[in-house]
Amino acid sequence: MELELEGASLKAVLNRLRRAQGQISGVIRMIEEGRDCEEVVMQLAAASRALDRAGFAIIATGLQQCVADIESGRRTGEDAEEMRARLEKLFLSLA
């Protein structure tokens, strides 16, 4: 399954991933500085949420592409069902 992220979708996913990258860098720095455990965990939770949101945005784009392919006739029958099952598995991996 190829994923085609373009325009606003691509920008949104990249922004979320960059935010998570910055938060993870912050967590590493906090641990190295011996910061309070609660602060570290809160920052780590924020990074985790950013990664989850990026993952869900990618899956949502995949679902949109899949629906468009089915509606256009590019995917039919077993091929469409296989794609739906793969996307469902990806979605559940983030849940």
N, C-alpha and C. Protein backbone atom coordinates (compact mmCIF):
# COMPACT_ATOMS: atom_id res chain seq x y z
N MET A 1 0.85 -1.17 0.00
CA MET A 1 0.00 0.00 0.00
C MET A 1 0.90 1.24 0.00
N GLU A 2 0.79 2.02 -1.05
CA GLU A 2 1.54 3.27 -1.11
C GLU A 2 0.70 4.39 -0.56
N LEU A 3 1.32 5.23 0.24
CA LEU A 3 0.62 6.36 0.84
C LEU A 3 1.09 7.63 0.17
N GLU A 4 0.14 8.39 -0.30
CA GLU A 4 0.48 9.64 -0.97
C GLU A 4 0.06 10.81 -0.10
N LEU A 5 1.01 11.34 0.64
CA LEU A 5 0.75 12.52 1.46
C LEU A 5 1.12 13.75 0.65
N GLU A 6 0.20 14.67 0.55
CA GLU A 6 0.45 15.87 -0.22
C GLU A 6 -0.10 17.07 0.51
N GLY A 7 0.40 18.24 0.15
CA GLY A 7 -0.15 19.50 0.60
C GLY A 7 -0.34 19.61 2.10
N ALA A 8 -1.56 19.95 2.47
CA ALA A 8 -1.88 20.19 3.88
C ALA A 8 -1.70 18.94 4.73
N SER A 9 -2.03 17.76 4.18
CA SER A 9 -1.87 16.51 4.94
C SER A 9 -0.41 16.27 5.26
N LEU A 10 0.44 16.45 4.27
CA LEU A 10 1.87 16.25 4.48
C LEU A 10 2.41 17.24 5.50
N LYS A 11 2.03 18.50 5.36
CA LYS A 11 2.50 19.53 6.28
C LYS A 11 2.06 19.23 7.71
N ALA A 12 0.80 18.82 7.89
CA ALA A 12 0.29 18.53 9.23
C ALA A 12 1.03 17.36 9.87
N VAL A 13 1.27 16.30 9.11
CA VAL A 13 1.98 15.14 9.64
C VAL A 13 3.42 15.52 10.00
N LEU A 14 4.08 16.22 9.11
CA LEU A 14 5.46 16.62 9.39
C LEU A 14 5.54 17.54 10.60
N ASN A 15 4.59 18.45 10.75
CA ASN A 15 4.58 19.33 11.93
C ASN A 15 4.42 18.53 13.21
N ARG A 16 3.52 17.55 13.20
CA ARG A 16 3.32 16.72 14.39
C ARG A 16 4.57 15.92 14.72
N LEU A 17 5.21 15.38 13.70
CA LEU A 17 6.43 14.60 13.92
C LEU A 17 7.57 15.49 14.42
N ARG A 18 7.67 16.70 13.89
CA ARG A 18 8.70 17.62 14.38
C ARG A 18 8.43 18.02 15.83
N ARG A 19 7.16 18.21 16.16
CA ARG A 19 6.80 18.55 17.54
C ARG A 19 7.21 17.40 18.47
N ALA A 20 6.92 16.17 18.06
CA ALA A 20 7.29 15.01 18.87
C ALA A 20 8.81 14.92 18.99
N GLN A 21 9.51 15.18 17.90
CA GLN A 21 10.97 15.15 17.92
C GLN A 21 11.52 16.15 18.93
N GLY A 22 10.97 17.35 18.95
CA GLY A 22 11.41 18.36 19.91
C GLY A 22 11.08 17.95 21.33
N GLN A 23 9.91 17.35 21.53
CA GLN A 23 9.53 16.92 22.87
C GLN A 23 10.43 15.78 23.35
N ILE A 24 10.77 14.87 22.46
CA ILE A 24 11.65 13.77 22.85
C ILE A 24 13.04 14.30 23.18
N SER A 25 13.52 15.27 22.41
CA SER A 25 14.81 15.91 22.73
C SER A 25 14.74 16.56 24.11
N GLY A 26 13.59 17.16 24.41
CA GLY A 26 13.39 17.77 25.73
C GLY A 26 13.42 16.73 26.83
N VAL A 27 12.81 15.58 26.59
CA VAL A 27 12.80 14.51 27.59
C VAL A 27 14.23 14.04 27.86
N ILE A 28 14.99 13.85 26.80
CA ILE A 28 16.38 13.41 26.96
C ILE A 28 17.17 14.43 27.78
N ARG A 29 17.00 15.69 27.44
CA ARG A 29 17.70 16.75 28.17
C ARG A 29 17.27 16.78 29.64
N MET A 30 15.98 16.62 29.88
CA MET A 30 15.47 16.63 31.26
C MET A 30 16.06 15.48 32.08
N ILE A 31 16.16 14.31 31.45
CA ILE A 31 16.72 13.16 32.16
C ILE A 31 18.20 13.40 32.45
N GLU A 32 18.92 13.92 31.46
CA GLU A 32 20.34 14.21 31.65
C GLU A 32 20.57 15.23 32.76
N GLU A 33 19.62 16.17 32.91
CA GLU A 33 19.74 17.20 33.95
C GLU A 33 19.21 16.75 35.30
N GLY A 34 18.65 15.54 35.35
CA GLY A 34 18.13 15.02 36.61
C GLY A 34 16.85 15.71 37.06
N ARG A 35 16.02 16.11 36.11
CA ARG A 35 14.79 16.82 36.44
C ARG A 35 13.78 15.91 37.12
N ASP A 36 12.78 16.54 37.70
CA ASP A 36 11.72 15.86 38.43
C ASP A 36 11.02 14.82 37.55
N CYS A 37 10.77 13.66 38.13
CA CYS A 37 10.15 12.54 37.42
C CYS A 37 8.80 12.94 36.81
N GLU A 38 7.99 13.66 37.55
CA GLU A 38 6.66 14.04 37.07
C GLU A 38 6.77 14.92 35.82
N GLU A 39 7.71 15.84 35.81
CA GLU A 39 7.92 16.72 34.64
C GLU A 39 8.34 15.90 33.42
N VAL A 40 9.24 14.94 33.65
CA VAL A 40 9.73 14.10 32.56
C VAL A 40 8.58 13.28 31.98
N VAL A 41 7.79 12.67 32.84
CA VAL A 41 6.68 11.84 32.37
C VAL A 41 5.65 12.67 31.62
N MET A 42 5.36 13.88 32.10
CA MET A 42 4.40 14.74 31.40
C MET A 42 4.91 15.09 30.01
N GLN A 43 6.18 15.39 29.88
CA GLN A 43 6.76 15.71 28.57
C GLN A 43 6.75 14.49 27.66
N LEU A 44 7.04 13.33 28.23
CA LEU A 44 7.01 12.09 27.45
C LEU A 44 5.60 11.78 26.97
N ALA A 45 4.61 12.02 27.81
CA ALA A 45 3.21 11.80 27.41
C ALA A 45 2.82 12.74 26.26
N ALA A 46 3.29 13.96 26.30
CA ALA A 46 3.01 14.91 25.22
C ALA A 46 3.62 14.43 23.91
N ALA A 47 4.84 13.90 23.96
CA ALA A 47 5.49 13.37 22.76
C ALA A 47 4.72 12.17 22.22
N SER A 48 4.26 11.33 23.12
CA SER A 48 3.48 10.15 22.72
C SER A 48 2.19 10.57 22.02
N ARG A 49 1.51 11.58 22.55
CA ARG A 49 0.27 12.06 21.91
C ARG A 49 0.55 12.63 20.52
N ALA A 50 1.66 13.36 20.38
CA ALA A 50 2.01 13.92 19.08
C ALA A 50 2.27 12.82 18.06
N LEU A 51 2.95 11.75 18.48
CA LEU A 51 3.20 10.62 17.59
C LEU A 51 1.91 9.91 17.23
N ASP A 52 1.03 9.72 18.21
CA ASP A 52 -0.27 9.09 17.94
C ASP A 52 -1.07 9.89 16.93
N ARG A 53 -1.10 11.20 17.10
CA ARG A 53 -1.86 12.05 16.18
C ARG A 53 -1.28 11.99 14.78
N ALA A 54 0.02 11.94 14.66
CA ALA A 54 0.64 11.81 13.34
C ALA A 54 0.26 10.48 12.71
N GLY A 55 0.28 9.42 13.50
CA GLY A 55 -0.11 8.10 13.00
C GLY A 55 -1.55 8.07 12.54
N PHE A 56 -2.44 8.65 13.33
CA PHE A 56 -3.85 8.68 12.95
C PHE A 56 -4.07 9.51 11.69
N ALA A 57 -3.32 10.59 11.54
CA ALA A 57 -3.45 11.42 10.33
C ALA A 57 -3.00 10.63 9.10
N ILE A 58 -1.95 9.85 9.24
CA ILE A 58 -1.46 9.03 8.13
C ILE A 58 -2.51 7.97 7.77
N ILE A 59 -3.07 7.32 8.77
CA ILE A 59 -4.09 6.30 8.52
C ILE A 59 -5.33 6.92 7.90
N ALA A 60 -5.74 8.09 8.38
CA ALA A 60 -6.91 8.76 7.80
C ALA A 60 -6.69 9.06 6.33
N THR A 61 -5.48 9.49 5.98
CA THR A 61 -5.16 9.74 4.58
C THR A 61 -5.25 8.44 3.78
N GLY A 62 -4.73 7.36 4.34
CA GLY A 62 -4.81 6.06 3.69
C GLY A 62 -6.25 5.63 3.46
N LEU A 63 -7.11 5.85 4.46
CA LEU A 63 -8.52 5.51 4.32
C LEU A 63 -9.18 6.33 3.21
N GLN A 64 -8.87 7.61 3.16
CA GLN A 64 -9.43 8.46 2.11
C GLN A 64 -8.99 7.97 0.74
N GLN A 65 -7.73 7.62 0.61
CA GLN A 65 -7.22 7.12 -0.67
C GLN A 65 -7.89 5.81 -1.04
N CYS A 66 -8.09 4.95 -0.05
CA CYS A 66 -8.72 3.66 -0.29
C CYS A 66 -10.15 3.85 -0.79
N VAL A 67 -10.90 4.72 -0.11
CA VAL A 67 -12.28 4.99 -0.52
C VAL A 67 -12.31 5.57 -1.93
N ALA A 68 -11.41 6.50 -2.22
CA ALA A 68 -11.36 7.09 -3.56
C ALA A 68 -11.05 6.03 -4.61
N ASP A 69 -10.12 5.11 -4.29
CA ASP A 69 -9.78 4.04 -5.22
C ASP A 69 -10.98 3.11 -5.47
N ILE A 70 -11.72 2.80 -4.42
CA ILE A 70 -12.89 1.93 -4.57
C ILE A 70 -13.96 2.63 -5.40
N GLU A 71 -14.21 3.91 -5.10
CA GLU A 71 -15.23 4.65 -5.83
C GLU A 71 -14.87 4.83 -7.30
N SER A 72 -13.59 4.94 -7.59
CA SER A 72 -13.16 5.11 -8.98
C SER A 72 -13.04 3.79 -9.73
N GLY A 73 -13.16 2.68 -8.99
CA GLY A 73 -13.06 1.37 -9.62
C GLY A 73 -11.64 0.84 -9.70
N ARG A 74 -10.66 1.57 -9.14
CA ARG A 74 -9.27 1.09 -9.16
C ARG A 74 -9.06 -0.09 -8.21
N ARG A 75 -9.91 -0.18 -7.19
CA ARG A 75 -9.86 -1.32 -6.26
C ARG A 75 -11.25 -1.92 -6.21
N THR A 76 -11.30 -3.22 -6.38
CA THR A 76 -12.59 -3.91 -6.35
C THR A 76 -12.46 -5.22 -5.60
N GLY A 77 -13.57 -5.74 -5.15
CA GLY A 77 -13.65 -7.07 -4.57
C GLY A 77 -12.64 -7.37 -3.49
N GLU A 78 -11.87 -8.45 -3.69
CA GLU A 78 -10.90 -8.90 -2.69
C GLU A 78 -9.81 -7.88 -2.45
N ASP A 79 -9.39 -7.18 -3.49
CA ASP A 79 -8.35 -6.16 -3.35
C ASP A 79 -8.81 -5.07 -2.40
N ALA A 80 -10.03 -4.62 -2.55
CA ALA A 80 -10.58 -3.58 -1.68
C ALA A 80 -10.72 -4.10 -0.25
N GLU A 81 -11.16 -5.33 -0.11
CA GLU A 81 -11.32 -5.91 1.23
C GLU A 81 -9.97 -6.10 1.92
N GLU A 82 -8.98 -6.53 1.15
CA GLU A 82 -7.63 -6.69 1.71
C GLU A 82 -7.09 -5.33 2.19
N MET A 83 -7.29 -4.30 1.40
CA MET A 83 -6.83 -2.96 1.78
C MET A 83 -7.54 -2.50 3.05
N ARG A 84 -8.84 -2.71 3.14
CA ARG A 84 -9.60 -2.31 4.32
C ARG A 84 -9.07 -3.03 5.56
N ALA A 85 -8.79 -4.32 5.43
CA ALA A 85 -8.28 -5.11 6.55
C ALA A 85 -6.89 -4.61 6.99
N ARG A 86 -6.05 -4.27 6.03
CA ARG A 86 -4.72 -3.76 6.37
C ARG A 86 -4.80 -2.42 7.08
N LEU A 87 -5.68 -1.54 6.61
CA LEU A 87 -5.85 -0.24 7.26
C LEU A 87 -6.44 -0.39 8.66
N GLU A 88 -7.36 -1.32 8.81
CA GLU A 88 -7.94 -1.58 10.14
C GLU A 88 -6.86 -2.06 11.10
N LYS A 89 -6.00 -2.95 10.63
CA LYS A 89 -4.91 -3.46 11.46
C LYS A 89 -3.97 -2.32 11.87
N LEU A 90 -3.65 -1.43 10.93
CA LEU A 90 -2.80 -0.29 11.25
C LEU A 90 -3.46 0.61 12.29
N PHE A 91 -4.75 0.86 12.09
CA PHE A 91 -5.48 1.71 13.03
C PHE A 91 -5.45 1.10 14.44
N LEU A 92 -5.72 -0.17 14.53
CA LEU A 92 -5.74 -0.84 15.83
C LEU A 92 -4.35 -0.89 16.47
N SER A 93 -3.31 -0.86 15.67
CA SER A 93 -1.96 -0.86 16.24
C SER A 93 -1.68 0.43 17.01
N LEU A 94 -2.41 1.50 16.68
CA LEU A 94 -2.24 2.77 17.39
C LEU A 94 -3.19 2.90 18.58
N ALA A 95 -4.22 2.08 18.60
CA ALA A 95 -5.23 2.22 19.65
C ALA A 95 -4.74 1.69 20.98
